[in-house]
Amino acid sequence: MERFEKATLAGGCFWCLEAAFQQLEGVVDVVSGYTGGHVPNPTYEQVCTGTTGHAEAVQITYDPSVISYDELLEVFWTIHDPTTLNRQGADVGTQYRSAIFYHNDQQRQIALRSIREVAQPLWKKKIVTEVVPLDTFYPAEDYHQEYYFLNKEAPYCRIVIAPKLEKLRQKFEHKLKKEDK
């Protein structure tokens, strides 16, 4: 397990991020959860109020010999809009903010460089993504885990998540797990 590293990212609904990152070669695990707030052990209902300070986020366990932190961030910039403050599409509130919760100074430096070199040229508008240290990550309730793969026919999955996955396939086909191509 020592060869694996973790990345924690927020960019709107965690179902979207989870579904995308699960498909990448070198990603071992993706857990939907909450971080960045002041309420210990928050519930989904609490986070939805927008008063906990937490963002919906994913914690990604990955093998850096297969996929780098830089590559994870490149996917991150592509599958969400880092120029909208506290929203992604119809999902509005601080819990849907764009944020990189770094685990160490190296990740912080890579994130700041990635904003300048990848995100800013990709989006043109001002990037509002927070780059902040990870404090505590709280896994979301079980029914949020593997949400897309268990509910592919649900309207949100078909209308919001599926187009993001198609964009992922088009731009990063070379990085997808063999069974997901």
Protein backbone atom coordinates (compact mmCIF):
# COMPACT_ATOMS: atom_id res chain seq x y z
CA MET A 1 0.00 0.00 0.00
CA GLU A 2 2.98 2.35 0.51
CA ARG A 3 3.41 2.82 -3.22
CA PHE A 4 -0.03 4.41 -3.46
CA GLU A 5 -0.74 8.09 -2.91
CA LYS A 6 -3.91 10.08 -2.26
CA ALA A 7 -5.43 13.13 -3.92
CA THR A 8 -8.51 14.96 -2.63
CA LEU A 9 -10.49 17.11 -5.04
CA ALA A 10 -13.81 18.97 -5.05
CA GLY A 11 -15.54 20.12 -8.20
CA GLY A 12 -19.30 20.02 -7.87
CA CYS A 13 -21.26 16.88 -7.17
CA PHE A 14 -19.02 14.09 -5.93
CA TRP A 15 -20.93 11.55 -8.03
CA CYS A 16 -19.52 13.18 -11.18
CA LEU A 17 -15.93 13.21 -9.99
CA GLU A 18 -16.13 9.69 -8.60
CA ALA A 19 -17.46 8.25 -11.87
CA ALA A 20 -14.73 9.93 -13.92
CA PHE A 21 -11.72 9.17 -11.74
CA GLN A 22 -12.77 5.52 -11.25
CA GLN A 23 -12.19 4.96 -14.96
CA LEU A 24 -8.55 6.02 -15.01
CA GLU A 25 -5.73 3.50 -15.25
CA GLY A 26 -3.68 3.68 -12.07
CA VAL A 27 -6.58 4.78 -9.88
CA VAL A 28 -7.05 2.14 -7.20
CA ASP A 29 -9.98 3.60 -5.27
CA VAL A 30 -12.25 6.65 -5.21
CA VAL A 31 -14.31 7.55 -2.15
CA SER A 32 -16.99 10.25 -2.16
CA GLY A 33 -17.07 12.38 0.95
CA TYR A 34 -16.88 15.75 2.62
CA THR A 35 -13.99 18.01 3.61
CA GLY A 36 -13.03 21.62 4.17
CA GLY A 37 -15.60 22.46 6.81
CA HIS A 38 -15.96 22.91 10.54
CA VAL A 39 -18.57 20.26 11.45
CA PRO A 40 -17.17 16.87 12.53
CA ASN A 41 -18.70 13.78 10.91
CA PRO A 42 -21.15 15.71 8.72
CA THR A 43 -24.12 14.04 7.06
CA TYR A 44 -25.28 14.65 3.52
CA GLU A 45 -28.31 16.51 4.82
CA GLN A 46 -26.09 18.82 6.89
CA VAL A 47 -23.69 19.49 4.01
CA CYS A 48 -26.62 20.28 1.69
CA THR A 49 -27.61 23.19 3.94
CA GLY A 50 -24.38 24.95 2.99
CA THR A 51 -23.71 25.81 6.64
CA THR A 52 -21.06 23.19 7.47
CA GLY A 53 -18.30 24.69 5.31
CA HIS A 54 -17.71 21.26 3.78
CA ALA A 55 -17.42 20.61 0.07
CA GLU A 56 -18.53 17.44 -1.65
CA ALA A 57 -15.20 15.90 -2.61
CA VAL A 58 -13.54 12.69 -3.69
CA GLN A 59 -10.48 11.08 -2.21
CA ILE A 60 -8.53 9.24 -4.88
CA THR A 61 -6.02 6.50 -4.11
CA TYR A 62 -3.68 6.11 -7.07
CA ASP A 63 -0.45 4.49 -8.18
CA PRO A 64 1.96 7.31 -9.13
CA SER A 65 4.00 4.89 -11.25
CA VAL A 66 0.95 4.61 -13.54
CA ILE A 67 -0.75 8.02 -13.30
CA SER A 68 0.74 11.20 -11.89
CA TYR A 69 -0.81 13.87 -9.70
CA ASP A 70 -0.35 16.25 -12.66
CA GLU A 71 -2.42 13.93 -14.86
CA LEU A 72 -5.16 13.68 -12.23
CA LEU A 73 -5.32 17.47 -12.16
CA GLU A 74 -5.48 17.65 -15.95
CA VAL A 75 -8.56 15.41 -15.83
CA PHE A 76 -9.96 17.52 -12.97
CA TRP A 77 -9.71 20.72 -15.04
CA THR A 78 -11.46 19.04 -17.94
CA ILE A 79 -14.47 17.51 -16.16
CA HIS A 80 -15.64 20.53 -14.17
CA ASP A 81 -15.74 24.31 -14.57
CA PRO A 82 -13.18 25.87 -12.21
CA THR A 83 -14.31 29.40 -13.13
CA THR A 84 -17.72 29.32 -11.44
CA LEU A 85 -17.78 30.22 -7.76
CA ASN A 86 -19.70 27.79 -5.56
CA ARG A 87 -21.54 26.05 -8.37
CA GLN A 88 -21.38 23.47 -11.13
CA GLY A 89 -24.29 23.74 -13.52
CA ALA A 90 -27.54 23.58 -11.56
CA ASP A 91 -25.74 22.50 -8.36
CA VAL A 92 -25.33 25.71 -6.35
CA GLY A 93 -23.78 26.33 -2.92
CA THR A 94 -20.42 26.32 -1.17
CA GLN A 95 -20.61 22.52 -0.99
CA TYR A 96 -20.16 22.48 -4.79
CA ARG A 97 -17.08 24.70 -4.87
CA SER A 98 -13.95 23.88 -6.81
CA ALA A 99 -11.07 23.00 -4.50
CA ILE A 100 -7.83 21.08 -4.34
CA PHE A 101 -7.14 19.79 -0.84
CA TYR A 102 -3.43 19.06 -0.91
CA HIS A 103 -1.84 16.36 1.25
CA ASN A 104 1.69 17.79 1.23
CA ASP A 105 3.71 20.75 -0.04
CA GLN A 106 4.64 18.95 -3.25
CA GLN A 107 0.95 18.58 -4.15
CA ARG A 108 0.40 22.26 -3.29
CA GLN A 109 3.19 23.33 -5.62
CA ILE A 110 1.95 21.05 -8.42
CA ALA A 111 -1.61 22.37 -7.99
CA LEU A 112 -0.53 26.02 -8.19
CA ARG A 113 1.60 25.30 -11.27
CA SER A 114 -1.24 23.32 -12.85
CA ILE A 115 -3.61 26.27 -12.44
CA ARG A 116 -1.15 28.53 -14.30
CA GLU A 117 -0.05 26.07 -16.97
CA VAL A 118 -3.10 23.86 -17.63
CA ALA A 119 -6.29 25.28 -16.21
CA GLN A 120 -5.87 28.97 -17.06
CA PRO A 121 -5.07 28.36 -20.76
CA LEU A 122 -7.89 25.78 -20.96
CA TRP A 123 -10.58 28.02 -19.45
CA LYS A 124 -9.48 31.60 -20.24
CA LYS A 125 -11.69 33.05 -17.44
CA LYS A 126 -10.33 33.50 -13.90
CA ILE A 127 -9.87 30.22 -12.00
CA VAL A 128 -11.63 30.31 -8.60
CA THR A 129 -10.41 26.91 -7.39
CA GLU A 130 -9.23 26.96 -3.78
CA VAL A 131 -5.87 25.33 -3.04
CA VAL A 132 -5.95 24.49 0.65
CA PRO A 133 -4.43 21.89 2.97
CA LEU A 134 -6.49 18.79 3.64
CA ASP A 135 -7.69 18.61 7.20
CA THR A 136 -10.09 15.71 7.72
CA PHE A 137 -11.86 13.79 4.97
CA TYR A 138 -15.17 12.23 5.96
CA PRO A 139 -16.45 9.44 3.69
CA ALA A 140 -20.04 10.01 2.58
CA GLU A 141 -22.85 7.64 3.37
CA ASP A 142 -22.77 4.24 1.64
CA TYR A 143 -25.54 5.12 -0.82
CA HIS A 144 -23.28 7.82 -2.34
CA GLN A 145 -20.44 5.39 -3.10
CA GLU A 146 -20.32 3.95 -6.64
CA TYR A 147 -23.41 6.05 -7.30
CA TYR A 148 -23.13 6.35 -11.08
CA PHE A 149 -22.35 2.69 -11.66
CA LEU A 150 -25.30 1.61 -9.51
CA ASN A 151 -27.73 4.18 -10.96
CA LYS A 152 -26.74 4.73 -14.60
CA GLU A 153 -30.35 5.17 -15.72
CA ALA A 154 -31.23 7.81 -13.11
CA PRO A 155 -31.96 11.19 -14.76
CA TYR A 156 -29.02 12.99 -13.08
CA CYS A 157 -26.65 10.25 -14.21
CA ARG A 158 -27.86 10.35 -17.82
CA ILE A 159 -28.11 14.14 -18.11
CA VAL A 160 -25.14 15.36 -16.04
CA ILE A 161 -22.64 12.55 -15.47
CA ALA A 162 -22.78 10.67 -18.79
CA PRO A 163 -21.73 13.73 -20.87
CA LYS A 164 -18.76 14.30 -18.54
CA LEU A 165 -17.72 10.68 -19.01
CA GLU A 166 -17.99 11.02 -22.78
CA LYS A 167 -15.74 14.09 -22.64
CA LEU A 168 -13.31 12.08 -20.52
CA ARG A 169 -13.31 9.23 -23.05
CA GLN A 170 -12.67 11.59 -25.95
CA LYS A 171 -9.81 13.50 -24.35
CA PHE A 172 -8.18 10.82 -22.16
CA GLU A 173 -8.89 7.51 -23.91
CA HIS A 174 -5.21 6.58 -23.56
CA LYS A 175 -5.53 6.86 -19.74
CA LEU A 176 -8.68 4.76 -19.28
CA LYS A 177 -8.73 1.30 -17.75
CA LYS A 178 -8.97 -1.37 -20.42
CA GLU A 179 -12.51 -2.46 -19.44
CA ASP A 180 -13.76 1.17 -19.56
CA LYS A 181 -12.63 1.94 -23.12
